[in-house]
Amino acid sequence: MYIVGRFYAMGMLFLIPIFIFADKILVPMDLTQIDHLKAYGVAFHALEMGVNVEWLLNYQGGSFLMDYEPRIEKDCALNSVVWEVIPSGDILEIYQTIEENNMDVILLEKAPRIAVYIPDNFEPWDDAVTLALEYADIPYDQVWDEDVLRGKLMQYDWLHLHHEDFTGQYGKFYGSYANTDWYKEEVRINEELAKKLGFTKVSKMKLAVALIIKDYVEKGGFLFSMCSACDTYDIGLAAQNIDICHNVYDHDPFDPAANSKLDFSQCLAFENFEVILNPLIYEHSTIDVTNEAQARGPKTYISLFDFSAKFDPVPCMLVQNHTALVKEFLGQCSGFRKSTIMTSVLVLAEVSGTEEVKYLHGNYGKGTFTYLAGHDPEDYQHFVNDPPTDLRKHRNSPGYRLILNNILFPAARKKEQKT
């Protein structure tokens, strides 16, 4: 904001811009921050109050700047979030630093409406995004197959998919867990729901859901997926006219020639992959690199790509962090094989020197999709019935920061999204 000052000299009138700034609150996101994850909640709450938030890309780890408001200051204090009141006279210096470096200011204007695709019987610790949202006190709604099929998605700006299996194969847990009570219950619930909704089998119901989600993205929705929801979603789209499910899953034979009939033009992110048809092999396709990732072990690190804040603001937003390295973490889908990624898709992070891509982003229609492989950024190898991750012990998790970057991404002013 500025006013015009008058200066008279030798009978001439000169107009000189004089910048007037109010005090602002700066929430730093570098190593000085005590709780990075709660800081996203502070930014989100400010948007809910109607206060615009400036996301300072690459400035002190992707800091947040907002007009001074006592409620925001109180929110920071209550959540152990480091903040600083910047006097009006010092604001211009911050903007000048940003202008002179690989930094930029992205205006966040409105809190996005968030939906998480999870069943009624889910356990909160089964979903890293749900853990992050609840820890940061960011509101979300739960949606499931019936909600999606009834058109509820159009009420939301952002949709998260986690470890759902969109191929109708129940995560391919058959080989290890077929006789367990929880697996049998999972099959029963899904088969009953499919029948209730008029589908002959679960794979057809999941395909119908996947197609509606695809339409949601095409019309401008923001999709964020993790774990097996990344690869099985595209597999389901590619195999929509083929039976890839063994009879242990859907009670009828699969097509042995399925791999020659996959239609990759239907996918969002992947192509040239093969599906694993053997029900006893705990793997869906050649997209996933879990075996190789597991062999490398927990001391592996993922490298975040460095993007131009001024010319590539979208990927730059998605990788904002206080470090360029993130610890490896596995899942049903631990990483994406480079050779299966479409050339139109942008790689955001990888395990350097390997075939593993960990994080990617792409456009479809008016919307976007972002895939982050792995299950839980602070649980290297998550197993069924493992205890929940306590985010109070991981307040500065760079992996969880990637998740929360995606939460704020839809709030960015649309004209800033250049890619």
Protein backbone atom coordinates (compact mmCIF):
# COMPACT_ATOMS: atom_id res chain seq x y z
CA MET A 1 0.00 0.00 0.00
CA TYR A 2 1.28 3.49 -0.76
CA ILE A 3 0.19 7.15 -0.88
CA VAL A 4 1.44 9.84 -3.24
CA GLY A 5 3.51 12.63 -1.74
CA ARG A 6 3.94 16.11 -3.35
CA PHE A 7 7.30 17.76 -3.83
CA TYR A 8 7.54 21.30 -5.28
CA ALA A 9 10.75 22.51 -6.94
CA MET A 10 11.32 25.31 -9.46
CA GLY A 11 7.63 25.62 -10.14
CA MET A 12 7.18 21.95 -11.04
CA LEU A 13 5.12 19.30 -9.25
CA PHE A 14 6.70 15.90 -8.75
CA LEU A 15 4.75 12.87 -7.50
CA ILE A 16 6.83 10.64 -5.25
CA PRO A 17 5.48 7.28 -4.05
CA ILE A 18 5.77 6.96 -0.29
CA PHE A 19 5.20 3.39 0.88
CA ILE A 20 3.16 3.00 4.05
CA PHE A 21 3.16 -0.37 5.78
CA ALA A 22 1.39 -1.54 8.87
CA ASP A 23 3.17 -3.81 11.34
CA LYS A 24 3.18 -7.44 10.26
CA ILE A 25 3.69 -10.85 11.84
CA LEU A 26 6.48 -12.97 10.39
CA VAL A 27 6.40 -16.71 11.05
CA PRO A 28 9.89 -17.97 10.12
CA MET A 29 10.15 -21.46 8.65
CA ASP A 30 13.90 -21.98 8.85
CA LEU A 31 15.77 -23.73 11.66
CA THR A 32 14.72 -21.05 14.16
CA GLN A 33 11.15 -22.38 14.10
CA ILE A 34 10.19 -24.57 17.07
CA ASP A 35 7.14 -26.19 15.50
CA HIS A 36 7.03 -26.10 11.70
CA LEU A 37 3.87 -28.19 11.51
CA LYS A 38 1.80 -26.01 13.85
CA ALA A 39 3.00 -22.98 11.86
CA TYR A 40 0.98 -24.16 8.88
CA GLY A 41 -2.03 -24.25 11.13
CA VAL A 42 -1.38 -20.63 12.14
CA ALA A 43 -1.28 -19.60 8.46
CA PHE A 44 -4.48 -21.55 7.77
CA HIS A 45 -6.26 -19.98 10.76
CA ALA A 46 -5.28 -16.51 9.52
CA LEU A 47 -6.94 -17.28 6.19
CA GLU A 48 -10.03 -18.45 8.06
CA MET A 49 -10.09 -15.07 9.82
CA GLY A 50 -10.08 -13.33 6.45
CA VAL A 51 -6.45 -12.21 6.78
CA ASN A 52 -4.38 -12.63 3.62
CA VAL A 53 -1.11 -14.50 4.08
CA GLU A 54 2.03 -13.86 2.05
CA TRP A 55 4.03 -17.03 1.50
CA LEU A 56 7.64 -15.91 1.17
CA LEU A 57 9.09 -18.57 -1.10
CA ASN A 58 12.72 -19.45 -0.27
CA TYR A 59 12.84 -16.70 2.38
CA GLN A 60 13.89 -18.25 5.70
CA GLY A 61 12.61 -21.67 4.66
CA GLY A 62 9.35 -20.46 3.13
CA SER A 63 8.13 -18.12 5.86
CA PHE A 64 4.66 -16.62 6.29
CA LEU A 65 4.01 -12.90 6.54
CA MET A 66 0.62 -11.44 7.50
CA ASP A 67 -0.89 -8.21 8.79
CA TYR A 68 -0.62 -7.81 12.53
CA GLU A 69 -3.64 -9.24 14.28
CA PRO A 70 -3.67 -9.98 18.04
CA ARG A 71 -5.55 -13.24 17.45
CA ILE A 72 -2.76 -14.50 15.19
CA GLU A 73 -0.13 -13.57 17.78
CA LYS A 74 -2.13 -15.45 20.41
CA ASP A 75 -2.45 -18.46 18.08
CA CYS A 76 1.34 -18.54 17.71
CA ALA A 77 1.89 -18.33 21.46
CA LEU A 78 -0.62 -21.06 22.29
CA ASN A 79 0.94 -23.43 19.74
CA SER A 80 4.62 -22.78 20.53
CA VAL A 81 5.12 -21.30 17.07
CA VAL A 82 7.97 -18.81 16.77
CA TRP A 83 6.83 -15.44 15.42
CA GLU A 84 8.18 -11.94 15.16
CA VAL A 85 6.37 -8.62 14.90
CA ILE A 86 7.99 -6.71 12.05
CA PRO A 87 7.74 -2.91 12.46
CA SER A 88 6.28 -1.09 9.49
CA GLY A 89 9.61 0.54 8.76
CA ASP A 90 11.35 -2.82 8.23
CA ILE A 91 8.86 -4.42 5.83
CA LEU A 92 10.37 -2.87 2.70
CA GLU A 93 13.76 -4.39 3.55
CA ILE A 94 12.22 -7.89 3.48
CA TYR A 95 10.62 -7.23 0.09
CA GLN A 96 13.89 -5.88 -1.28
CA THR A 97 15.75 -9.00 -0.13
CA ILE A 98 13.14 -11.14 -1.87
CA GLU A 99 13.33 -9.09 -5.07
CA GLU A 100 17.12 -9.39 -5.26
CA ASN A 101 17.31 -13.16 -4.72
CA ASN A 102 15.72 -16.44 -5.84
CA MET A 103 12.66 -15.68 -3.75
CA ASP A 104 9.12 -14.53 -4.36
CA VAL A 105 5.91 -13.52 -2.60
CA ILE A 106 2.82 -15.66 -3.16
CA LEU A 107 -0.46 -14.28 -1.87
CA LEU A 108 -2.71 -16.78 -0.10
CA GLU A 109 -6.25 -15.47 -0.06
CA LYS A 110 -8.78 -18.06 1.07
CA ALA A 111 -8.68 -21.15 3.26
CA PRO A 112 -9.27 -24.16 0.98
CA ARG A 113 -12.11 -26.60 1.65
CA ILE A 114 -10.45 -29.95 2.38
CA ALA A 115 -11.71 -33.49 1.90
CA VAL A 116 -9.92 -36.69 2.87
CA TYR A 117 -10.99 -39.94 1.20
CA ILE A 118 -11.19 -42.40 4.10
CA PRO A 119 -13.74 -45.04 5.17
CA ASP A 120 -15.82 -44.86 8.32
CA ASN A 121 -13.78 -47.63 9.94
CA PHE A 122 -10.37 -46.01 9.39
CA GLU A 123 -7.83 -45.61 12.15
CA PRO A 124 -6.34 -42.07 12.36
CA TRP A 125 -2.78 -43.39 12.46
CA ASP A 126 -3.33 -45.12 9.12
CA ASP A 127 -3.14 -41.80 7.27
CA ALA A 128 -0.21 -39.38 7.54
CA VAL A 129 -2.24 -36.53 6.06
CA THR A 130 -5.00 -36.96 8.64
CA LEU A 131 -2.35 -36.96 11.37
CA ALA A 132 -0.85 -33.75 9.96
CA LEU A 133 -4.22 -32.01 9.64
CA GLU A 134 -5.29 -32.90 13.17
CA TYR A 135 -1.93 -31.93 14.67
CA ALA A 136 -1.97 -28.56 12.87
CA ASP A 137 -5.67 -28.08 13.77
CA ILE A 138 -6.73 -27.73 10.14
CA PRO A 139 -10.36 -28.72 9.52
CA TYR A 140 -11.29 -31.37 6.97
CA ASP A 141 -14.27 -33.46 5.96
CA GLN A 142 -14.27 -37.20 5.51
CA VAL A 143 -15.62 -38.58 2.21
CA TRP A 144 -15.97 -42.12 0.95
CA ASP A 145 -17.24 -43.99 -2.10
CA GLU A 146 -20.91 -43.17 -1.65
CA ASP A 147 -20.13 -39.46 -1.15
CA VAL A 148 -17.97 -39.38 -4.28
CA LEU A 149 -20.57 -41.16 -6.41
CA ARG A 150 -23.23 -38.69 -5.27
CA GLY A 151 -21.18 -35.70 -6.44
CA LYS A 152 -20.01 -34.37 -3.09
CA LEU A 153 -16.44 -33.70 -4.28
CA MET A 154 -17.41 -30.49 -6.03
CA GLN A 155 -17.89 -28.92 -2.59
CA TYR A 156 -14.13 -29.09 -1.99
CA ASP A 157 -11.00 -27.42 -3.32
CA TRP A 158 -8.55 -30.15 -2.25
CA LEU A 159 -8.84 -33.92 -2.05
CA HIS A 160 -6.46 -36.36 -0.43
CA LEU A 161 -6.14 -40.07 -1.28
CA HIS A 162 -3.86 -42.25 0.80
CA HIS A 163 -3.41 -46.04 0.85
CA GLU A 164 -6.59 -46.97 -0.96
CA ASP A 165 -6.40 -49.68 -3.65
CA PHE A 166 -8.30 -48.48 -6.71
CA THR A 167 -7.83 -51.82 -8.49
CA GLY A 168 -10.16 -53.71 -6.14
CA GLN A 169 -7.41 -56.01 -4.83
CA TYR A 170 -7.50 -54.88 -1.18
CA GLY A 171 -3.89 -53.72 -1.20
CA LYS A 172 -2.75 -57.14 -2.40
CA PHE A 173 -2.57 -58.27 1.22
CA TYR A 174 -4.07 -61.65 0.34
CA GLY A 175 -0.81 -63.61 0.52
CA SER A 176 0.01 -62.51 4.07
CA TYR A 177 -3.32 -61.62 5.67
CA ALA A 178 -6.09 -63.57 3.91
CA ASN A 179 -7.01 -65.46 7.09
CA THR A 180 -6.94 -62.52 9.48
CA ASP A 181 -10.15 -61.04 10.85
CA TRP A 182 -9.36 -57.48 9.74
CA TYR A 183 -8.77 -58.57 6.13
CA LYS A 184 -11.99 -60.58 6.00
CA GLU A 185 -13.86 -57.61 7.43
CA GLU A 186 -12.35 -55.32 4.81
CA VAL A 187 -13.56 -57.63 2.04
CA ARG A 188 -17.02 -57.93 3.55
CA ILE A 189 -17.51 -54.18 3.98
CA ASN A 190 -16.39 -53.39 0.43
CA GLU A 191 -18.42 -56.14 -1.20
CA GLU A 192 -21.55 -55.08 0.67
CA LEU A 193 -21.03 -51.45 -0.27
CA ALA A 194 -20.48 -52.32 -3.95
CA LYS A 195 -23.69 -54.34 -3.97
CA LYS A 196 -25.60 -51.54 -2.22
CA LEU A 197 -24.42 -49.03 -4.82
CA GLY A 198 -25.35 -51.30 -7.75
CA PHE A 199 -21.96 -52.69 -8.77
CA THR A 200 -21.29 -56.34 -9.52
CA LYS A 201 -17.86 -56.23 -7.84
CA VAL A 202 -15.57 -53.95 -5.88
CA SER A 203 -13.18 -53.24 -8.77
CA LYS A 204 -16.04 -51.73 -10.79
CA MET A 205 -17.09 -49.55 -7.87
CA LYS A 206 -13.53 -48.31 -7.37
CA LEU A 207 -13.23 -47.55 -11.09
CA ALA A 208 -16.42 -45.48 -10.99
CA VAL A 209 -14.99 -43.54 -8.04
CA ALA A 210 -11.66 -43.07 -9.83
CA LEU A 211 -13.36 -41.66 -12.92
CA ILE A 212 -15.32 -39.13 -10.86
CA ILE A 213 -12.11 -38.07 -9.13
CA LYS A 214 -10.50 -37.63 -12.54
CA ASP A 215 -13.41 -35.42 -13.59
CA TYR A 216 -13.03 -33.46 -10.34
CA VAL A 217 -9.38 -32.73 -11.18
CA GLU A 218 -10.19 -31.85 -14.79
CA LYS A 219 -12.69 -29.25 -13.59
CA GLY A 220 -10.15 -27.57 -11.32
CA GLY A 221 -9.72 -29.72 -8.23
CA PHE A 222 -6.42 -30.19 -6.42
CA LEU A 223 -5.56 -33.87 -5.85
CA PHE A 224 -2.88 -34.99 -3.40
CA SER A 225 -2.13 -38.71 -3.10
CA MET A 226 0.25 -40.84 -1.06
CA CYS A 227 1.24 -44.49 -0.80
CA SER A 228 -0.75 -46.98 -2.90
CA ALA A 229 -3.38 -44.41 -3.89
CA CYS A 230 -0.75 -43.03 -6.30
CA ASP A 231 0.03 -46.09 -8.41
CA THR A 232 -3.22 -48.05 -8.01
CA TYR A 233 -5.22 -45.02 -9.12
CA ASP A 234 -3.41 -44.87 -12.47
CA ILE A 235 -3.44 -48.68 -12.77
CA GLY A 236 -7.20 -48.67 -12.30
CA LEU A 237 -7.60 -46.03 -15.01
CA ALA A 238 -5.34 -47.90 -17.46
CA ALA A 239 -7.12 -51.22 -16.81
CA GLN A 240 -10.69 -49.91 -16.81
CA ASN A 241 -11.74 -52.23 -19.66
CA ILE A 242 -9.71 -55.23 -18.48
CA ASP A 243 -10.01 -57.69 -15.60
CA ILE A 244 -6.69 -57.69 -13.72
CA CYS A 245 -8.10 -59.15 -10.49
CA HIS A 246 -7.43 -62.81 -9.65
CA ASN A 247 -10.51 -64.79 -8.62
CA VAL A 248 -9.41 -64.62 -4.95
CA TYR A 249 -10.38 -60.96 -5.14
CA ASP A 250 -13.46 -60.85 -7.36
CA HIS A 251 -14.55 -64.51 -7.77
CA ASP A 252 -13.93 -64.66 -11.53
CA PRO A 253 -10.82 -65.17 -13.72
CA PHE A 254 -8.48 -62.34 -14.72
CA ASP A 255 -7.37 -61.67 -18.28
CA PRO A 256 -3.92 -63.30 -18.74
CA ALA A 257 -3.23 -60.90 -21.62
CA ALA A 258 -4.06 -57.85 -19.50
CA ASN A 259 -0.64 -56.20 -19.83
CA SER A 260 -0.95 -56.02 -23.60
CA LYS A 261 -4.30 -54.23 -23.29
CA LEU A 262 -3.53 -51.46 -20.80
CA ASP A 263 -4.55 -48.01 -22.02
CA PHE A 264 -1.97 -45.56 -20.68
CA SER A 265 -3.73 -42.61 -22.33
CA GLN A 266 -6.25 -42.79 -19.47
CA CYS A 267 -3.60 -42.25 -16.77
CA LEU A 268 -2.60 -39.00 -15.08
CA ALA A 269 1.06 -39.68 -14.30
CA PHE A 270 2.32 -43.09 -15.43
CA GLU A 271 2.80 -45.11 -18.61
CA ASN A 272 4.66 -48.15 -19.96
CA PHE A 273 4.24 -50.18 -16.78
CA GLU A 274 3.17 -53.78 -16.25
CA VAL A 275 0.70 -55.00 -13.65
CA ILE A 276 1.62 -57.90 -11.35
CA LEU A 277 -1.17 -60.46 -11.81
CA ASN A 278 0.00 -63.02 -9.24
CA PRO A 279 -2.17 -62.52 -6.10
CA LEU A 280 0.56 -63.92 -3.83
CA ILE A 281 3.04 -61.20 -4.79
CA TYR A 282 2.69 -58.10 -2.62
CA GLU A 283 3.16 -55.64 -5.47
CA HIS A 284 0.76 -54.02 -7.91
CA SER A 285 2.99 -53.07 -10.82
CA THR A 286 6.43 -52.10 -12.09
CA ILE A 287 5.74 -48.47 -11.17
CA ASP A 288 6.77 -49.09 -7.55
CA VAL A 289 10.40 -49.41 -6.42
CA THR A 290 9.80 -50.70 -2.88
CA ASN A 291 12.16 -53.67 -3.24
CA GLU A 292 15.05 -51.46 -4.32
CA ALA A 293 14.25 -48.82 -1.70
CA GLN A 294 14.12 -51.42 1.05
CA ALA A 295 17.50 -52.79 -0.03
CA ARG A 296 19.02 -49.30 0.31
CA GLY A 297 17.79 -49.08 3.90
CA PRO A 298 16.70 -46.29 6.25
CA LYS A 299 19.88 -44.24 5.92
CA THR A 300 18.81 -43.16 2.42
CA TYR A 301 17.81 -39.56 1.77
CA ILE A 302 15.50 -37.98 -0.79
CA SER A 303 16.73 -34.82 -2.54
CA LEU A 304 14.26 -31.99 -3.11
CA PHE A 305 14.70 -30.17 -6.41
CA ASP A 306 15.54 -26.46 -6.34
CA PHE A 307 13.12 -24.35 -8.42
CA SER A 308 13.05 -20.70 -9.42
CA ALA A 309 10.66 -18.92 -7.09
CA LYS A 310 9.91 -16.20 -9.64
CA PHE A 311 9.48 -18.38 -12.73
CA ASP A 312 8.33 -21.73 -11.26
CA PRO A 313 6.25 -20.73 -8.22
CA VAL A 314 4.05 -23.85 -8.19
CA PRO A 315 6.80 -26.47 -7.75
CA CYS A 316 8.66 -24.03 -5.55
CA MET A 317 5.66 -23.87 -3.20
CA LEU A 318 5.42 -27.64 -3.08
CA VAL A 319 9.06 -28.14 -2.00
CA GLN A 320 9.37 -25.34 0.58
CA ASN A 321 11.43 -26.64 3.47
CA HIS A 322 14.18 -25.90 5.93
CA THR A 323 16.35 -28.62 4.40
CA ALA A 324 16.96 -30.00 0.92
CA LEU A 325 17.07 -33.60 2.18
CA VAL A 326 14.23 -35.75 3.51
CA LYS A 327 14.63 -39.17 5.12
CA GLU A 328 13.41 -42.12 3.07
CA PHE A 329 10.17 -43.79 4.17
CA LEU A 330 8.52 -46.85 2.69
CA GLY A 331 4.92 -47.79 1.98
CA GLN A 332 2.81 -49.99 -0.24
CA CYS A 333 4.17 -47.72 -2.94
CA SER A 334 7.54 -46.39 -1.76
CA GLY A 335 8.71 -44.61 -4.90
CA PHE A 336 8.02 -44.25 -8.61
CA ARG A 337 10.22 -45.77 -11.29
CA LYS A 338 11.50 -43.00 -13.58
CA SER A 339 10.93 -45.00 -16.74
CA THR A 340 7.18 -45.21 -15.99
CA ILE A 341 6.61 -41.47 -15.47
CA MET A 342 5.08 -39.48 -18.31
CA THR A 343 7.33 -36.79 -19.77
CA SER A 344 4.67 -34.15 -19.07
CA VAL A 345 4.96 -34.78 -15.32
CA LEU A 346 7.31 -32.67 -13.20
CA VAL A 347 9.66 -34.43 -10.76
CA LEU A 348 9.90 -32.65 -7.40
CA ALA A 349 12.15 -35.03 -5.44
CA GLU A 350 14.17 -38.17 -6.06
CA VAL A 351 16.75 -40.47 -4.53
CA SER A 352 19.81 -39.23 -6.40
CA GLY A 353 21.64 -41.76 -8.54
CA THR A 354 18.73 -44.23 -8.56
CA GLU A 355 15.53 -44.90 -10.51
CA GLU A 356 13.41 -43.69 -7.59
CA VAL A 357 11.26 -40.58 -7.88
CA LYS A 358 9.61 -39.77 -4.56
CA TYR A 359 7.49 -36.73 -5.30
CA LEU A 360 5.89 -35.47 -8.53
CA HIS A 361 3.37 -32.96 -9.81
CA GLY A 362 1.30 -32.50 -12.94
CA ASN A 363 -1.63 -30.71 -14.52
CA TYR A 364 -4.82 -32.25 -15.83
CA GLY A 365 -7.46 -30.02 -17.33
CA LYS A 366 -7.97 -27.04 -15.03
CA GLY A 367 -6.68 -28.91 -11.98
CA THR A 368 -3.51 -30.49 -10.65
CA PHE A 369 -2.33 -33.73 -9.09
CA THR A 370 0.60 -34.23 -6.73
CA TYR A 371 1.87 -37.67 -5.70
CA LEU A 372 4.12 -38.31 -2.69
CA ALA A 373 5.22 -41.94 -2.41
CA GLY A 374 5.49 -43.75 0.93
CA HIS A 375 3.20 -44.09 3.90
CA ASP A 376 4.46 -42.00 6.82
CA PRO A 377 7.42 -39.59 6.66
CA GLU A 378 8.40 -40.37 10.28
CA ASP A 379 7.83 -44.13 10.24
CA TYR A 380 10.38 -45.75 7.94
CA GLN A 381 8.52 -49.04 7.52
CA HIS A 382 4.92 -48.92 8.69
CA PHE A 383 3.19 -52.24 9.38
CA VAL A 384 -0.47 -53.12 9.90
CA ASN A 385 -1.54 -52.26 13.49
CA ASP A 386 1.63 -50.28 14.24
CA PRO A 387 1.06 -47.54 16.84
CA PRO A 388 0.34 -44.01 15.61
CA THR A 389 3.12 -41.54 14.93
CA ASP A 390 3.29 -38.92 17.67
CA LEU A 391 3.86 -35.65 15.81
CA ARG A 392 4.78 -33.89 19.04
CA LYS A 393 8.09 -35.74 18.63
CA HIS A 394 8.43 -34.64 15.00
CA ARG A 395 7.47 -30.97 15.06
CA ASN A 396 10.16 -30.11 12.53
CA SER A 397 9.62 -33.03 10.15
CA PRO A 398 10.62 -32.04 6.59
CA GLY A 399 8.55 -34.94 5.24
CA TYR A 400 5.40 -33.74 6.95
CA ARG A 401 6.15 -30.23 5.70
CA LEU A 402 5.78 -31.54 2.14
CA ILE A 403 2.28 -32.72 3.03
CA LEU A 404 1.33 -29.37 4.56
CA ASN A 405 2.74 -27.41 1.61
CA ASN A 406 0.03 -29.11 -0.42
CA ILE A 407 -2.65 -28.01 2.04
CA LEU A 408 -1.87 -24.32 1.44
CA PHE A 409 -1.20 -24.67 -2.30
CA PRO A 410 -4.89 -24.22 -3.34
CA ALA A 411 -5.07 -20.95 -1.40
CA ALA A 412 -2.58 -19.29 -3.73
CA ARG A 413 -3.90 -16.59 -6.02
CA LYS A 414 -4.61 -18.36 -9.30
CA LYS A 415 -2.71 -15.91 -11.50
CA GLU A 416 0.48 -16.84 -9.62
CA GLN A 417 0.27 -20.45 -10.79
CA LYS A 418 2.31 -20.26 -13.98
CA THR A 419 3.11 -23.91 -14.68
